[in-house]
PDB file of N, CA and C in Angstrom:
ATOM      1  N   MET A   1      87.572 141.944 133.148  1.00  0.00           N
ATOM      2  CA  MET A   1      87.570 141.241 131.885  1.00  0.00           C
ATOM      3  C   MET A   1      88.936 141.457 131.245  1.00  0.00           C
ATOM      4  N   SER A   2      89.524 140.396 130.704  1.00  0.00           N
ATOM      5  CA  SER A   2      90.818 140.518 130.063  1.00  0.00           C
ATOM      6  C   SER A   2      90.694 141.316 128.768  1.00  0.00           C
ATOM      7  N   ILE A   3      91.792 141.891 128.361  1.00  0.00           N
ATOM      8  CA  ILE A   3      91.795 142.686 127.129  1.00  0.00           C
ATOM      9  C   ILE A   3      91.418 141.813 125.942  1.00  0.00           C
ATOM     10  N   GLU A   4      91.947 140.600 125.907  1.00  0.00           N
ATOM     11  CA  GLU A   4      91.642 139.686 124.799  1.00  0.00           C
ATOM     12  C   GLU A   4      90.151 139.369 124.746  1.00  0.00           C
ATOM     13  N   HIS A   5      89.572 139.079 125.892  1.00  0.00           N
ATOM     14  CA  HIS A   5      88.146 138.744 125.917  1.00  0.00           C
ATOM     15  C   HIS A   5      87.308 139.967 125.587  1.00  0.00           C
ATOM     16  N   ASN A   6      87.732 141.129 126.047  1.00  0.00           N
ATOM     17  CA  ASN A   6      87.028 142.366 125.739  1.00  0.00           C
ATOM     18  C   ASN A   6      87.018 142.614 124.231  1.00  0.00           C
ATOM     19  N   GLU A   7      88.144 142.354 123.573  1.00  0.00           N
ATOM     20  CA  GLU A   7      88.222 142.531 122.121  1.00  0.00           C
ATOM     21  C   GLU A   7      87.312 141.540 121.395  1.00  0.00           C
ATOM     22  N   LYS A   8      87.280 140.293 121.865  1.00  0.00           N
ATOM     23  CA  LYS A   8      86.398 139.295 121.257  1.00  0.00           C
ATOM     24  C   LYS A   8      84.940 139.703 121.401  1.00  0.00           C
ATOM     25  N   LEU A   9      84.590 140.205 122.573  1.00  0.00           N
ATOM     26  CA  LEU A   9      83.221 140.636 122.829  1.00  0.00           C
ATOM     27  C   LEU A   9      82.864 141.831 121.951  1.00  0.00           C
ATOM     28  N   THR A  10      83.775 142.782 121.830  1.00  0.00           N
ATOM     29  CA  THR A  10      83.542 143.959 120.988  1.00  0.00           C
ATOM     30  C   THR A  10      83.339 143.555 119.534  1.00  0.00           C
ATOM     31  N   LYS A  11      84.171 142.647 119.035  1.00  0.00           N
ATOM     32  CA  LYS A  11      84.019 142.172 117.655  1.00  0.00           C
ATOM     33  C   LYS A  11      82.687 141.455 117.464  1.00  0.00           C
ATOM     34  N   ALA A  12      82.310 140.642 118.431  1.00  0.00           N
ATOM     35  CA  ALA A  12      81.045 139.905 118.331  1.00  0.00           C
ATOM     36  C   ALA A  12      79.860 140.862 118.312  1.00  0.00           C
ATOM     37  N   ILE A  13      79.914 141.902 119.129  1.00  0.00           N
ATOM     38  CA  ILE A  13      78.825 142.880 119.158  1.00  0.00           C
ATOM     39  C   ILE A  13      78.742 143.627 117.836  1.00  0.00           C
ATOM     40  N   LYS A  14      79.885 144.043 117.310  1.00  0.00           N
ATOM     41  CA  LYS A  14      79.890 144.760 116.024  1.00  0.00           C
ATOM     42  C   LYS A  14      79.325 143.883 114.913  1.00  0.00           C
ATOM     43  N   LYS A  15      79.698 142.612 114.913  1.00  0.00           N
ATOM     44  CA  LYS A  15      79.190 141.691 113.898  1.00  0.00           C
ATOM     45  C   LYS A  15      77.679 141.519 114.040  1.00  0.00           C
ATOM     46  N   ALA A  16      77.212 141.368 115.264  1.00  0.00           N
ATOM     47  CA  ALA A  16      75.772 141.222 115.493  1.00  0.00           C
ATOM     48  C   ALA A  16      75.031 142.487 115.080  1.00  0.00           C
ATOM     49  N   ASP A  17      75.601 143.642 115.391  1.00  0.00           N
ATOM     50  CA  ASP A  17      74.978 144.911 115.021  1.00  0.00           C
ATOM     51  C   ASP A  17      74.843 145.020 113.504  1.00  0.00           C
ATOM     52  N   LYS A  18      75.895 144.678 112.789  1.00  0.00           N
ATOM     53  CA  LYS A  18      75.853 144.739 111.321  1.00  0.00           C
ATOM     54  C   LYS A  18      74.836 143.757 110.752  1.00  0.00           C
ATOM     55  N   SER A  19      74.781 142.572 111.314  1.00  0.00           N
ATOM     56  CA  SER A  19      73.862 141.574 110.768  1.00  0.00           C
ATOM     57  C   SER A  19      72.409 141.924 111.063  1.00  0.00           C
ATOM     58  N   VAL A  20      72.136 142.478 112.240  1.00  0.00           N
ATOM     59  CA  VAL A  20      70.766 142.907 112.544  1.00  0.00           C
ATOM     60  C   VAL A  20      70.384 144.073 111.637  1.00  0.00           C
ATOM     61  N   TYR A  21      71.317 144.980 111.395  1.00  0.00           N
ATOM     62  CA  TYR A  21      71.061 146.104 110.493  1.00  0.00           C
ATOM     63  C   TYR A  21      70.766 145.591 109.082  1.00  0.00           C
ATOM     64  N   ALA A  22      71.539 144.615 108.619  1.00  0.00           N
ATOM     65  CA  ALA A  22      71.301 144.043 107.292  1.00  0.00           C
ATOM     66  C   ALA A  22      69.919 143.410 107.216  1.00  0.00           C
ATOM     67  N   THR A  23      69.484 142.795 108.295  1.00  0.00           N
ATOM     68  CA  THR A  23      68.154 142.193 108.338  1.00  0.00           C
ATOM     69  C   THR A  23      67.078 143.260 108.243  1.00  0.00           C
ATOM     70  N   GLN A  24      67.335 144.423 108.831  1.00  0.00           N
ATOM     71  CA  GLN A  24      66.375 145.526 108.730  1.00  0.00           C
ATOM     72  C   GLN A  24      66.255 145.998 107.286  1.00  0.00           C
ATOM     73  N   LEU A  25      67.374 146.028 106.574  1.00  0.00           N
ATOM     74  CA  LEU A  25      67.368 146.503 105.191  1.00  0.00           C
ATOM     75  C   LEU A  25      66.713 145.504 104.253  1.00  0.00           C
ATOM     76  N   GLU A  26      67.025 144.244 104.453  1.00  0.00           N
ATOM     77  CA  GLU A  26      66.466 143.194 103.599  1.00  0.00           C
ATOM     78  C   GLU A  26      66.156 141.987 104.470  1.00  0.00           C
ATOM     79  N   SER A  27      64.907 141.829 104.793  1.00  0.00           N
ATOM     80  CA  SER A  27      64.482 140.777 105.704  1.00  0.00           C
ATOM     81  C   SER A  27      64.250 139.486 104.933  1.00  0.00           C
ATOM     82  N   ASN A  28      65.306 138.699 104.795  1.00  0.00           N
ATOM     83  CA  ASN A  28      65.145 137.384 104.184  1.00  0.00           C
ATOM     84  C   ASN A  28      65.667 136.324 105.148  1.00  0.00           C
ATOM     85  N   SER A  29      65.420 135.087 104.832  1.00  0.00           N
ATOM     86  CA  SER A  29      65.759 134.016 105.776  1.00  0.00           C
ATOM     87  C   SER A  29      67.259 133.914 106.022  1.00  0.00           C
ATOM     88  N   ASP A  30      68.086 134.216 105.011  1.00  0.00           N
ATOM     89  CA  ASP A  30      69.535 134.173 105.220  1.00  0.00           C
ATOM     90  C   ASP A  30      69.971 135.221 106.233  1.00  0.00           C
ATOM     91  N   ASN A  31      69.490 136.443 106.053  1.00  0.00           N
ATOM     92  CA  ASN A  31      69.850 137.514 106.985  1.00  0.00           C
ATOM     93  C   ASN A  31      69.323 137.235 108.382  1.00  0.00           C
ATOM     94  N   LEU A  32      68.105 136.719 108.475  1.00  0.00           N
ATOM     95  CA  LEU A  32      67.537 136.408 109.791  1.00  0.00           C
ATOM     96  C   LEU A  32      68.367 135.351 110.514  1.00  0.00           C
ATOM     97  N   GLY A  33      68.747 134.320 109.800  1.00  0.00           N
ATOM     98  CA  GLY A  33      69.562 133.268 110.403  1.00  0.00           C
ATOM     99  C   GLY A  33      70.935 133.768 110.810  1.00  0.00           C
ATOM    100  N   TYR A  34      71.537 134.586 109.954  1.00  0.00           N
ATOM    101  CA  TYR A  34      72.856 135.136 110.230  1.00  0.00           C
ATOM    102  C   TYR A  34      72.826 136.041 111.454  1.00  0.00           C
ATOM    103  N   SER A  35      71.813 136.885 111.547  1.00  0.00           N
ATOM    104  CA  SER A  35      71.741 137.794 112.692  1.00  0.00           C
ATOM    105  C   SER A  35      71.453 137.027 113.979  1.00  0.00           C
ATOM    106  N   GLN A  36      70.627 135.999 113.911  1.00  0.00           N
ATOM    107  CA  GLN A  36      70.354 135.187 115.100  1.00  0.00           C
ATOM    108  C   GLN A  36      71.624 134.490 115.573  1.00  0.00           C
ATOM    109  N   GLN A  37      72.401 133.980 114.632  1.00  0.00           N
ATOM    110  CA  GLN A  37      73.655 133.325 114.977  1.00  0.00           C
ATOM    111  C   GLN A  37      74.626 134.326 115.612  1.00  0.00           C
ATOM    112  N   ALA A  38      74.693 135.525 115.073  1.00  0.00           N
ATOM    113  CA  ALA A  38      75.587 136.548 115.622  1.00  0.00           C
ATOM    114  C   ALA A  38      75.171 136.933 117.038  1.00  0.00           C
ATOM    115  N   ILE A  39      73.876 137.035 117.276  1.00  0.00           N
ATOM    116  CA  ILE A  39      73.376 137.342 118.620  1.00  0.00           C
ATOM    117  C   ILE A  39      73.747 136.221 119.586  1.00  0.00           C
ATOM    118  N   GLU A  40      73.636 134.984 119.149  1.00  0.00           N
ATOM    119  CA  GLU A  40      73.988 133.847 120.002  1.00  0.00           C
ATOM    120  C   GLU A  40      75.474 133.853 120.354  1.00  0.00           C
ATOM    121  N   ILE A  41      76.314 134.291 119.423  1.00  0.00           N
ATOM    122  CA  ILE A  41      77.753 134.385 119.695  1.00  0.00           C
ATOM    123  C   ILE A  41      78.011 135.424 120.786  1.00  0.00           C
ATOM    124  N   VAL A  42      77.330 136.563 120.709  1.00  0.00           N
ATOM    125  CA  VAL A  42      77.475 137.588 121.749  1.00  0.00           C
ATOM    126  C   VAL A  42      77.019 137.029 123.096  1.00  0.00           C
ATOM    127  N   GLU A  43      75.909 136.316 123.105  1.00  0.00           N
ATOM    128  CA  GLU A  43      75.423 135.720 124.357  1.00  0.00           C
ATOM    129  C   GLU A  43      76.460 134.776 124.947  1.00  0.00           C
ATOM    130  N   GLN A  44      77.097 133.980 124.103  1.00  0.00           N
ATOM    131  CA  GLN A  44      78.113 133.043 124.575  1.00  0.00           C
ATOM    132  C   GLN A  44      79.325 133.784 125.126  1.00  0.00           C
ATOM    133  N   GLU A  45      79.759 134.827 124.432  1.00  0.00           N
ATOM    134  CA  GLU A  45      80.894 135.617 124.913  1.00  0.00           C
ATOM    135  C   GLU A  45      80.587 136.245 126.272  1.00  0.00           C
ATOM    136  N   LEU A  46      79.376 136.760 126.429  1.00  0.00           N
ATOM    137  CA  LEU A  46      78.987 137.349 127.711  1.00  0.00           C
ATOM    138  C   LEU A  46      78.930 136.295 128.810  1.00  0.00           C
ATOM    139  N   LYS A  47      78.441 135.115 128.470  1.00  0.00           N
ATOM    140  CA  LYS A  47      78.372 134.029 129.450  1.00  0.00           C
ATOM    141  C   LYS A  47      79.777 133.661 129.927  1.00  0.00           C
ATOM    142  N   GLU A  48      80.701 133.549 128.986  1.00  0.00           N
ATOM    143  CA  GLU A  48      82.081 133.229 129.350  1.00  0.00           C
ATOM    144  C   GLU A  48      82.701 134.338 130.192  1.00  0.00           C
ATOM    145  N   ALA A  49      82.391 135.573 129.858  1.00  0.00           N
ATOM    146  CA  ALA A  49      82.931 136.699 130.627  1.00  0.00           C
ATOM    147  C   ALA A  49      82.429 136.657 132.064  1.00  0.00           C
ATOM    148  N   LYS A  50      81.163 136.344 132.245  1.00  0.00           N
ATOM    149  CA  LYS A  50      80.587 136.290 133.590  1.00  0.00           C
ATOM    150  C   LYS A  50      81.173 135.144 134.401  1.00  0.00           C
ATOM    151  N   GLU A  51      81.490 134.045 133.733  1.00  0.00           N
ATOM    152  CA  GLU A  51      82.052 132.894 134.432  1.00  0.00           C
ATOM    153  C   GLU A  51      83.495 133.133 134.854  1.00  0.00           C
ATOM    154  N   ASN A  52      84.221 133.934 134.087  1.00  0.00           N
ATOM    155  CA  ASN A  52      85.654 134.085 134.308  1.00  0.00           C
ATOM    156  C   ASN A  52      86.076 135.379 134.986  1.00  0.00           C
ATOM    157  N   HIS A  53      85.191 136.362 135.055  1.00  0.00           N
ATOM    158  CA  HIS A  53      85.597 137.667 135.558  1.00  0.00           C
ATOM    159  C   HIS A  53      84.451 138.326 136.310  1.00  0.00           C
ATOM    160  N   THR A  54      84.820 139.329 137.068  1.00  0.00           N
ATOM    161  CA  THR A  54      83.788 140.133 137.696  1.00  0.00           C
ATOM    162  C   THR A  54      83.175 141.051 136.651  1.00  0.00           C
ATOM    163  N   SER A  55      81.994 141.519 136.913  1.00  0.00           N
ATOM    164  CA  SER A  55      81.289 142.377 135.972  1.00  0.00           C
ATOM    165  C   SER A  55      82.056 143.677 135.763  1.00  0.00           C
ATOM    166  N   SER A  56      82.003 144.174 134.547  1.00  0.00           N
ATOM    167  CA  SER A  56      82.694 145.411 134.219  1.00  0.00           C
ATOM    168  C   SER A  56      81.767 146.319 133.422  1.00  0.00           C
ATOM    169  N   LEU A  57      82.212 147.537 133.237  1.00  0.00           N
ATOM    170  CA  LEU A  57      81.448 148.497 132.453  1.00  0.00           C
ATOM    171  C   LEU A  57      81.281 148.005 131.019  1.00  0.00           C
ATOM    172  N   GLU A  58      82.326 147.383 130.471  1.00  0.00           N
ATOM    173  CA  GLU A  58      82.246 146.864 129.110  1.00  0.00           C
ATOM    174  C   GLU A  58      81.177 145.781 128.996  1.00  0.00           C
ATOM    175  N   GLU A  59      81.105 144.922 130.006  1.00  0.00           N
ATOM    176  CA  GLU A  59      80.087 143.876 130.000  1.00  0.00           C
ATOM    177  C   GLU A  59      78.691 144.469 130.088  1.00  0.00           C
ATOM    178  N   GLN A  60      78.539 145.505 130.898  1.00  0.00           N
ATOM    179  CA  GLN A  60      77.229 146.147 131.010  1.00  0.00           C
ATOM    180  C   GLN A  60      76.822 146.773 129.682  1.00  0.00           C
ATOM    181  N   ARG A  61      77.762 147.423 129.026  1.00  0.00           N
ATOM    182  CA  ARG A  61      77.476 147.998 127.707  1.00  0.00           C
ATOM    183  C   ARG A  61      77.109 146.903 126.712  1.00  0.00           C
ATOM    184  N   ALA A  62      77.832 145.795 126.778  1.00  0.00           N
ATOM    185  CA  ALA A  62      77.545 144.678 125.881  1.00  0.00           C
ATOM    186  C   ALA A  62      76.155 144.111 126.155  1.00  0.00           C
ATOM    187  N   ASN A  63      75.792 143.990 127.421  1.00  0.00           N
ATOM    188  CA  ASN A  63      74.447 143.514 127.767  1.00  0.00           C
ATOM    189  C   ASN A  63      73.374 144.457 127.243  1.00  0.00           C
ATOM    190  N   ASP A  64      73.615 145.762 127.377  1.00  0.00           N
ATOM    191  CA  ASP A  64      72.656 146.749 126.871  1.00  0.00           C
ATOM    192  C   ASP A  64      72.525 146.654 125.355  1.00  0.00           C
ATOM    193  N   MET A  65      73.661 146.536 124.671  1.00  0.00           N
ATOM    194  CA  MET A  65      73.642 146.434 123.210  1.00  0.00           C
ATOM    195  C   MET A  65      72.943 145.148 122.779  1.00  0.00           C
ATOM    196  N   LEU A  66      73.215 144.064 123.472  1.00  0.00           N
ATOM    197  CA  LEU A  66      72.581 142.790 123.151  1.00  0.00           C
ATOM    198  C   LEU A  66      71.069 142.884 123.304  1.00  0.00           C
ATOM    199  N   ARG A  67      70.625 143.523 124.360  1.00  0.00           N
ATOM    200  CA  ARG A  67      69.186 143.707 124.571  1.00  0.00           C
ATOM    201  C   ARG A  67      68.572 144.499 123.416  1.00  0.00           C
ATOM    202  N   LEU A  68      69.232 145.571 123.002  1.00  0.00           N
ATOM    203  CA  LEU A  68      68.724 146.370 121.884  1.00  0.00           C
ATOM    204  C   LEU A  68      68.700 145.573 120.579  1.00  0.00           C
ATOM    205  N   LEU A  69      69.734 144.781 120.359  1.00  0.00           N
ATOM    206  CA  LEU A  69      69.768 143.961 119.147  1.00  0.00           C
ATOM    207  C   LEU A  69      68.643 142.937 119.144  1.00  0.00           C
ATOM    208  N   LYS A  70      68.400 142.320 120.289  1.00  0.00           N
ATOM    209  CA  LYS A  70      67.311 141.341 120.383  1.00  0.00           C
ATOM    210  C   LYS A  70      65.956 142.007 120.156  1.00  0.00           C
ATOM    211  N   GLU A  71      65.774 143.198 120.720  1.00  0.00           N
ATOM    212  CA  GLU A  71      64.515 143.917 120.518  1.00  0.00           C
ATOM    213  C   GLU A  71      64.330 144.280 119.048  1.00  0.00           C
ATOM    214  N   THR A  72      65.386 144.739 118.412  1.00  0.00           N
ATOM    215  CA  THR A  72      65.317 145.090 116.994  1.00  0.00           C
ATOM    216  C   THR A  72      65.022 143.860 116.157  1.00  0.00           C
ATOM    217  N   GLN A  73      65.705 142.757 116.463  1.00  0.00           N
ATOM    218  CA  GLN A  73      65.487 141.515 115.724  1.00  0.00           C
ATOM    219  C   GLN A  73      64.043 141.045 115.891  1.00  0.00           C
ATOM    220  N   ALA A  74      63.518 141.147 117.094  1.00  0.00           N
ATOM    221  CA  ALA A  74      62.128 140.743 117.337  1.00  0.00           C
ATOM    222  C   ALA A  74      61.165 141.615 116.540  1.00  0.00           C
ATOM    223  N   ALA A  75      61.441 142.910 116.475  1.00  0.00           N
ATOM    224  CA  ALA A  75      60.583 143.815 115.701  1.00  0.00           C
ATOM    225  C   ALA A  75      60.629 143.473 114.219  1.00  0.00           C
ATOM    226  N   VAL A  76      61.807 143.170 113.710  1.00  0.00           N
ATOM    227  CA  VAL A  76      61.938 142.773 112.303  1.00  0.00           C
ATOM    228  C   VAL A  76      61.149 141.494 112.051  1.00  0.00           C
ATOM    229  N   ASN A  77      61.227 140.547 112.966  1.00  0.00           N
ATOM    230  CA  ASN A  77      60.487 139.292 112.813  1.00  0.00           C
ATOM    231  C   ASN A  77      58.981 139.534 112.776  1.00  0.00           C
ATOM    232  N   VAL A  78      58.487 140.427 113.636  1.00  0.00           N
ATOM    233  CA  VAL A  78      57.055 140.737 113.660  1.00  0.00           C
ATOM    234  C   VAL A  78      56.629 141.365 112.339  1.00  0.00           C
ATOM    235  N   ILE A  79      57.407 142.326 111.871  1.00  0.00           N
ATOM    236  CA  ILE A  79      57.083 142.991 110.599  1.00  0.00           C
ATOM    237  C   ILE A  79      57.119 141.991 109.455  1.00  0.00           C
ATOM    238  N   ARG A  80      58.113 141.127 109.469  1.00  0.00           N
ATOM    239  CA  ARG A  80      58.257 140.136 108.392  1.00  0.00           C
ATOM    240  C   ARG A  80      57.078 139.164 108.370  1.00  0.00           C
ATOM    241  N   ASN A  81      56.572 138.822 109.541  1.00  0.00           N
ATOM    242  CA  ASN A  81      55.492 137.842 109.631  1.00  0.00           C
ATOM    243  C   ASN A  81      54.115 138.430 109.365  1.00  0.00           C
ATOM    244  N   ASP A  82      54.015 139.753 109.315  1.00  0.00           N
ATOM    245  CA  ASP A  82      52.712 140.390 109.032  1.00  0.00           C
ATOM    246  C   ASP A  82      52.377 140.385 107.569  1.00  0.00           C
TER     247      ASP A  82
END
């Protein structure tokens, strides 16, 4: 993975992490939409990385973080809907 793409992926993950955390603190429709959008950006960055480069440790970490963010977001959605 190129350094530039790695930096973009790192920024996208940090943004998604912050937005999912904000959704945990205050579960409203704005936060939910923002965190979903941030997760989708990470997914797109990972997709581009896979298309352009061989898998790397950074990509694996990003995949793991993305999975955790999705699980957290799903849990917030369940709690919000109860």
